[in-house]
């Protein structure tokens, strides 16, 4: 593995033998960190949003699970 930093980017060179699922997990995490780096929100607000999303999802999908 080789890591190189330029003025505009970081270049990571990996061997072709790397597990692609592990690489995808790493890239997903890196993208998540990039997207959330400027967000200022506390855990309580996250929990409220998560509960609302779950409630809305259950309302839409209830009929698929309960007959």
PDB file of N, CA and C in Angstrom:
ATOM      1  N   UNK A   1       0.855  -1.172   0.000  1.00  0.00           N
ATOM      2  CA  UNK A   1       0.000   0.000   0.000  1.00  0.00           C
ATOM      3  C   UNK A   1       0.899   1.231   0.000  1.00  0.00           C
ATOM      4  N   UNK A   2       0.470   2.213  -0.755  1.00  0.00           N
ATOM      5  CA  UNK A   2       1.219   3.465  -0.825  1.00  0.00           C
ATOM      6  C   UNK A   2       0.237   4.624  -0.689  1.00  0.00           C
ATOM      7  N   UNK A   3       0.596   5.614   0.101  1.00  0.00           N
ATOM      8  CA  UNK A   3      -0.229   6.805   0.272  1.00  0.00           C
ATOM      9  C   UNK A   3       0.596   8.014  -0.148  1.00  0.00           C
ATOM     10  N   UNK A   4       0.013   8.819  -1.015  1.00  0.00           N
ATOM     11  CA  UNK A   4       0.693  10.008  -1.519  1.00  0.00           C
ATOM     12  C   UNK A   4      -0.245  11.196  -1.381  1.00  0.00           C
ATOM     13  N   UNK A   5       0.256  12.304  -0.879  1.00  0.00           N
ATOM     14  CA  UNK A   5      -0.562  13.511  -0.724  1.00  0.00           C
ATOM     15  C   UNK A   5      -0.055  14.566  -1.692  1.00  0.00           C
ATOM     16  N   UNK A   6      -0.994  15.125  -2.456  1.00  0.00           N
ATOM     17  CA  UNK A   6      -0.676  16.258  -3.317  1.00  0.00           C
ATOM     18  C   UNK A   6      -1.375  17.473  -2.719  1.00  0.00           C
ATOM     19  N   UNK A   7      -1.270  18.596  -3.389  1.00  0.00           N
ATOM     20  CA  UNK A   7      -1.921  19.801  -2.860  1.00  0.00           C
ATOM     21  C   UNK A   7      -3.436  19.725  -2.943  1.00  0.00           C
ATOM     22  N   UNK A   8      -3.965  18.843  -3.825  1.00  0.00           N
ATOM     23  CA  UNK A   8      -5.412  18.778  -4.026  1.00  0.00           C
ATOM     24  C   UNK A   8      -6.051  17.461  -3.620  1.00  0.00           C
ATOM     25  N   UNK A   9      -5.245  16.422  -3.405  1.00  0.00           N
ATOM     26  CA  UNK A   9      -5.839  15.115  -3.128  1.00  0.00           C
ATOM     27  C   UNK A   9      -4.869  14.187  -2.420  1.00  0.00           C
ATOM     28  N   UNK A  10      -5.424  13.087  -1.939  1.00  0.00           N
ATOM     29  CA  UNK A  10      -4.635  12.005  -1.361  1.00  0.00           C
ATOM     30  C   UNK A  10      -4.822  10.804  -2.278  1.00  0.00           C
ATOM     31  N   UNK A  11      -3.721  10.208  -2.675  1.00  0.00           N
ATOM     32  CA  UNK A  11      -3.773   9.064  -3.590  1.00  0.00           C
ATOM     33  C   UNK A  11      -3.326   7.829  -2.827  1.00  0.00           C
ATOM     34  N   UNK A  12      -4.197   6.823  -2.791  1.00  0.00           N
ATOM     35  CA  UNK A  12      -3.904   5.566  -2.105  1.00  0.00           C
ATOM     36  C   UNK A  12      -3.808   4.474  -3.168  1.00  0.00           C
ATOM     37  N   UNK A  13      -2.694   3.798  -3.191  1.00  0.00           N
ATOM     38  CA  UNK A  13      -2.496   2.696  -4.131  1.00  0.00           C
ATOM     39  C   UNK A  13      -2.531   1.399  -3.332  1.00  0.00           C
ATOM     40  N   UNK A  14      -3.412   0.481  -3.745  1.00  0.00           N
ATOM     41  CA  UNK A  14      -3.601  -0.778  -3.030  1.00  0.00           C
ATOM     42  C   UNK A  14      -3.309  -1.953  -3.960  1.00  0.00           C
ATOM     43  N   UNK A  15      -2.905  -3.081  -3.396  1.00  0.00           N
ATOM     44  CA  UNK A  15      -2.677  -4.250  -4.226  1.00  0.00           C
ATOM     45  C   UNK A  15      -4.007  -4.791  -4.771  1.00  0.00           C
ATOM     46  N   UNK A  16      -3.969  -5.407  -5.938  1.00  0.00           N
ATOM     47  CA  UNK A  16      -5.172  -5.949  -6.568  1.00  0.00           C
ATOM     48  C   UNK A  16      -5.786  -7.066  -5.733  1.00  0.00           C
ATOM     49  N   UNK A  17      -5.037  -7.634  -4.820  1.00  0.00           N
ATOM     50  CA  UNK A  17      -5.535  -8.751  -4.013  1.00  0.00           C
ATOM     51  C   UNK A  17      -6.419  -8.312  -2.846  1.00  0.00           C
ATOM     52  N   UNK A  18      -6.612  -7.022  -2.653  1.00  0.00           N
ATOM     53  CA  UNK A  18      -7.403  -6.546  -1.517  1.00  0.00           C
ATOM     54  C   UNK A  18      -8.854  -7.012  -1.650  1.00  0.00           C
ATOM     55  N   UNK A  19      -9.459  -7.342  -0.526  1.00  0.00           N
ATOM     56  CA  UNK A  19     -10.860  -7.767  -0.491  1.00  0.00           C
ATOM     57  C   UNK A  19     -11.728  -6.564  -0.853  1.00  0.00           C
ATOM     58  N   UNK A  20     -12.499  -6.683  -1.927  1.00  0.00           N
ATOM     59  CA  UNK A  20     -13.268  -5.538  -2.402  1.00  0.00           C
ATOM     60  C   UNK A  20     -14.412  -5.152  -1.456  1.00  0.00           C
ATOM     61  N   UNK A  21     -14.952  -6.110  -0.721  1.00  0.00           N
ATOM     62  CA  UNK A  21     -16.006  -5.769   0.243  1.00  0.00           C
ATOM     63  C   UNK A  21     -15.429  -4.920   1.377  1.00  0.00           C
ATOM     64  N   UNK A  22     -14.261  -5.287   1.864  1.00  0.00           N
ATOM     65  CA  UNK A  22     -13.604  -4.491   2.902  1.00  0.00           C
ATOM     66  C   UNK A  22     -13.267  -3.100   2.386  1.00  0.00           C
ATOM     67  N   UNK A  23     -12.798  -3.035   1.157  1.00  0.00           N
ATOM     68  CA  UNK A  23     -12.477  -1.747   0.554  1.00  0.00           C
ATOM     69  C   UNK A  23     -13.730  -0.890   0.431  1.00  0.00           C
ATOM     70  N   UNK A  24     -14.849  -1.482   0.012  1.00  0.00           N
ATOM     71  CA  UNK A  24     -16.094  -0.730  -0.107  1.00  0.00           C
ATOM     72  C   UNK A  24     -16.555  -0.228   1.255  1.00  0.00           C
ATOM     73  N   UNK A  25     -16.436  -1.043   2.298  1.00  0.00           N
ATOM     74  CA  UNK A  25     -16.784  -0.598   3.651  1.00  0.00           C
ATOM     75  C   UNK A  25     -15.937   0.609   4.059  1.00  0.00           C
ATOM     76  N   UNK A  26     -14.649   0.540   3.771  1.00  0.00           N
ATOM     77  CA  UNK A  26     -13.748   1.646   4.086  1.00  0.00           C
ATOM     78  C   UNK A  26     -14.143   2.912   3.328  1.00  0.00           C
ATOM     79  N   UNK A  27     -14.439   2.772   2.038  1.00  0.00           N
ATOM     80  CA  UNK A  27     -14.830   3.924   1.232  1.00  0.00           C
ATOM     81  C   UNK A  27     -16.160   4.513   1.699  1.00  0.00           C
ATOM     82  N   UNK A  28     -17.094   3.660   2.066  1.00  0.00           N
ATOM     83  CA  UNK A  28     -18.376   4.146   2.596  1.00  0.00           C
ATOM     84  C   UNK A  28     -18.171   4.943   3.877  1.00  0.00           C
ATOM     85  N   UNK A  29     -17.312   4.431   4.757  1.00  0.00           N
ATOM     86  CA  UNK A  29     -17.030   5.128   6.014  1.00  0.00           C
ATOM     87  C   UNK A  29     -16.347   6.466   5.735  1.00  0.00           C
ATOM     88  N   UNK A  30     -15.401   6.470   4.816  1.00  0.00           N
ATOM     89  CA  UNK A  30     -14.705   7.704   4.458  1.00  0.00           C
ATOM     90  C   UNK A  30     -15.675   8.730   3.891  1.00  0.00           C
ATOM     91  N   UNK A  31     -16.586   8.290   3.049  1.00  0.00           N
ATOM     92  CA  UNK A  31     -17.599   9.197   2.480  1.00  0.00           C
ATOM     93  C   UNK A  31     -18.512   9.742   3.581  1.00  0.00           C
ATOM     94  N   UNK A  32     -18.924   8.875   4.498  1.00  0.00           N
ATOM     95  CA  UNK A  32     -19.746   9.301   5.634  1.00  0.00           C
ATOM     96  C   UNK A  32     -19.031  10.384   6.437  1.00  0.00           C
ATOM     97  N   UNK A  33     -17.744  10.164   6.731  1.00  0.00           N
ATOM     98  CA  UNK A  33     -16.975  11.151   7.498  1.00  0.00           C
ATOM     99  C   UNK A  33     -16.884  12.479   6.743  1.00  0.00           C
ATOM    100  N   UNK A  34     -16.706  12.405   5.442  1.00  0.00           N
ATOM    101  CA  UNK A  34     -16.639  13.610   4.630  1.00  0.00           C
ATOM    102  C   UNK A  34     -17.958  14.372   4.661  1.00  0.00           C
ATOM    103  N   UNK A  35     -19.060  13.655   4.503  1.00  0.00           N
ATOM    104  CA  UNK A  35     -20.383  14.295   4.458  1.00  0.00           C
ATOM    105  C   UNK A  35     -20.794  14.876   5.800  1.00  0.00           C
ATOM    106  N   UNK A  36     -20.363  14.269   6.888  1.00  0.00           N
ATOM    107  CA  UNK A  36     -20.806  14.714   8.216  1.00  0.00           C
ATOM    108  C   UNK A  36     -19.792  15.599   8.930  1.00  0.00           C
ATOM    109  N   UNK A  37     -18.705  15.923   8.294  1.00  0.00           N
ATOM    110  CA  UNK A  37     -17.638  16.673   8.968  1.00  0.00           C
ATOM    111  C   UNK A  37     -18.072  18.075   9.400  1.00  0.00           C
ATOM    112  N   UNK A  38     -19.021  18.678   8.713  1.00  0.00           N
ATOM    113  CA  UNK A  38     -19.446  20.041   9.051  1.00  0.00           C
ATOM    114  C   UNK A  38     -20.808  20.103   9.721  1.00  0.00           C
ATOM    115  N   UNK A  39     -21.318  18.973  10.140  1.00  0.00           N
ATOM    116  CA  UNK A  39     -22.634  18.935  10.766  1.00  0.00           C
ATOM    117  C   UNK A  39     -22.479  19.089  12.284  1.00  0.00           C
ATOM    118  N   UNK A  40     -23.234  20.011  12.837  1.00  0.00           N
ATOM    119  CA  UNK A  40     -23.203  20.235  14.280  1.00  0.00           C
ATOM    120  C   UNK A  40     -24.560  19.818  14.847  1.00  0.00           C
ATOM    121  N   UNK A  41     -24.647  18.575  15.315  1.00  0.00           N
ATOM    122  CA  UNK A  41     -25.904  18.032  15.838  1.00  0.00           C
ATOM    123  C   UNK A  41     -25.564  17.122  17.013  1.00  0.00           C
ATOM    124  N   UNK A  42     -26.416  17.116  18.012  1.00  0.00           N
ATOM    125  CA  UNK A  42     -26.122  16.271  19.166  1.00  0.00           C
ATOM    126  C   UNK A  42     -26.868  14.938  19.066  1.00  0.00           C
ATOM    127  N   UNK A  43     -26.494  14.000  19.918  1.00  0.00           N
ATOM    128  CA  UNK A  43     -27.050  12.654  19.851  1.00  0.00           C
ATOM    129  C   UNK A  43     -28.554  12.643  20.102  1.00  0.00           C
ATOM    130  N   UNK A  44     -29.053  13.516  20.945  1.00  0.00           N
ATOM    131  CA  UNK A  44     -30.491  13.572  21.225  1.00  0.00           C
ATOM    132  C   UNK A  44     -31.284  13.912  19.958  1.00  0.00           C
ATOM    133  N   UNK A  45     -30.780  14.864  19.177  1.00  0.00           N
ATOM    134  CA  UNK A  45     -31.451  15.223  17.929  1.00  0.00           C
ATOM    135  C   UNK A  45     -31.396  14.075  16.923  1.00  0.00           C
ATOM    136  N   UNK A  46     -30.277  13.386  16.887  1.00  0.00           N
ATOM    137  CA  UNK A  46     -30.137  12.223  16.002  1.00  0.00           C
ATOM    138  C   UNK A  46     -31.134  11.139  16.402  1.00  0.00           C
ATOM    139  N   UNK A  47     -31.263  10.890  17.693  1.00  0.00           N
ATOM    140  CA  UNK A  47     -32.198   9.867  18.181  1.00  0.00           C
ATOM    141  C   UNK A  47     -33.640  10.218  17.836  1.00  0.00           C
ATOM    142  N   UNK A  48     -34.008  11.488  17.957  1.00  0.00           N
ATOM    143  CA  UNK A  48     -35.369  11.918  17.608  1.00  0.00           C
ATOM    144  C   UNK A  48     -35.640  11.714  16.116  1.00  0.00           C
ATOM    145  N   UNK A  49     -34.686  12.098  15.288  1.00  0.00           N
ATOM    146  CA  UNK A  49     -34.840  11.923  13.847  1.00  0.00           C
ATOM    147  C   UNK A  49     -34.942  10.451  13.489  1.00  0.00           C
ATOM    148  N   UNK A  50     -34.119   9.633  14.108  1.00  0.00           N
ATOM    149  CA  UNK A  50     -34.148   8.193  13.860  1.00  0.00           C
ATOM    150  C   UNK A  50     -35.502   7.592  14.246  1.00  0.00           C
ATOM    151  N   UNK A  51     -36.038   8.000  15.384  1.00  0.00           N
ATOM    152  CA  UNK A  51     -37.341   7.498  15.829  1.00  0.00           C
ATOM    153  C   UNK A  51     -38.442   7.902  14.847  1.00  0.00           C
ATOM    154  N   UNK A  52     -38.394   9.129  14.348  1.00  0.00           N
ATOM    155  CA  UNK A  52     -39.389   9.589  13.385  1.00  0.00           C
ATOM    156  C   UNK A  52     -39.290   8.790  12.079  1.00  0.00           C
ATOM    157  N   UNK A  53     -38.078   8.576  11.606  1.00  0.00           N
ATOM    158  CA  UNK A  53     -37.886   7.809  10.367  1.00  0.00           C
ATOM    159  C   UNK A  53     -38.417   6.392  10.549  1.00  0.00           C
ATOM    160  N   UNK A  54     -38.096   5.765  11.679  1.00  0.00           N
ATOM    161  CA  UNK A  54     -38.575   4.406  11.940  1.00  0.00           C
ATOM    162  C   UNK A  54     -40.100   4.357  12.026  1.00  0.00           C
ATOM    163  N   UNK A  55     -40.697   5.335  12.689  1.00  0.00           N
ATOM    164  CA  UNK A  55     -42.148   5.376  12.808  1.00  0.00           C
ATOM    165  C   UNK A  55     -42.791   5.537  11.437  1.00  0.00           C
ATOM    166  N   UNK A  56     -42.273   6.445  10.622  1.00  0.00           N
ATOM    167  CA  UNK A  56     -42.812   6.658   9.274  1.00  0.00           C
ATOM    168  C   UNK A  56     -42.656   5.403   8.411  1.00  0.00           C
ATOM    169  N   UNK A  57     -41.500   4.748   8.516  1.00  0.00           N
ATOM    170  CA  UNK A  57     -41.270   3.530   7.747  1.00  0.00           C
ATOM    171  C   UNK A  57     -42.269   2.451   8.155  1.00  0.00           C
ATOM    172  N   UNK A  58     -42.466   2.286   9.461  1.00  0.00           N
ATOM    173  CA  UNK A  58     -43.382   1.255   9.948  1.00  0.00           C
ATOM    174  C   UNK A  58     -44.805   1.544   9.477  1.00  0.00           C
ATOM    175  N   UNK A  59     -45.212   2.802   9.495  1.00  0.00           N
ATOM    176  CA  UNK A  59     -46.549   3.171   9.028  1.00  0.00           C
ATOM    177  C   UNK A  59     -46.726   2.785   7.560  1.00  0.00           C
ATOM    178  N   UNK A  60     -45.729   3.007   6.736  1.00  0.00           N
ATOM    179  CA  UNK A  60     -45.812   2.685   5.315  1.00  0.00           C
ATOM    180  C   UNK A  60     -45.750   1.182   5.050  1.00  0.00           C
ATOM    181  N   UNK A  61     -45.043   0.440   5.878  1.00  0.00           N
ATOM    182  CA  UNK A  61     -44.754  -0.967   5.576  1.00  0.00           C
ATOM    183  C   UNK A  61     -45.454  -1.979   6.477  1.00  0.00           C
ATOM    184  N   UNK A  62     -46.262  -1.518   7.390  1.00  0.00           N
ATOM    185  CA  UNK A  62     -46.929  -2.381   8.360  1.00  0.00           C
ATOM    186  C   UNK A  62     -47.700  -3.521   7.684  1.00  0.00           C
ATOM    187  N   UNK A  63     -48.409  -3.205   6.616  1.00  0.00           N
ATOM    188  CA  UNK A  63     -49.253  -4.196   5.950  1.00  0.00           C
ATOM    189  C   UNK A  63     -48.441  -5.364   5.376  1.00  0.00           C
ATOM    190  N   UNK A  64     -47.178  -5.141   5.083  1.00  0.00           N
ATOM    191  CA  UNK A  64     -46.335  -6.222   4.560  1.00  0.00           C
ATOM    192  C   UNK A  64     -46.011  -7.283   5.626  1.00  0.00           C
ATOM    193  N   UNK A  65     -46.071  -6.896   6.894  1.00  0.00           N
ATOM    194  CA  UNK A  65     -45.651  -7.769   7.970  1.00  0.00           C
ATOM    195  C   UNK A  65     -46.800  -8.287   8.827  1.00  0.00           C
ATOM    196  N   UNK A  66     -47.886  -7.534   8.899  1.00  0.00           N
ATOM    197  CA  UNK A  66     -49.033  -7.937   9.702  1.00  0.00           C
ATOM    198  C   UNK A  66     -50.212  -8.150   8.768  1.00  0.00           C
ATOM    199  N   UNK A  67     -50.736  -9.369   8.805  1.00  0.00           N
ATOM    200  CA  UNK A  67     -51.857  -9.690   7.908  1.00  0.00           C
ATOM    201  C   UNK A  67     -53.077 -10.083   8.673  1.00  0.00           C
TER     202      UNK A  67
END
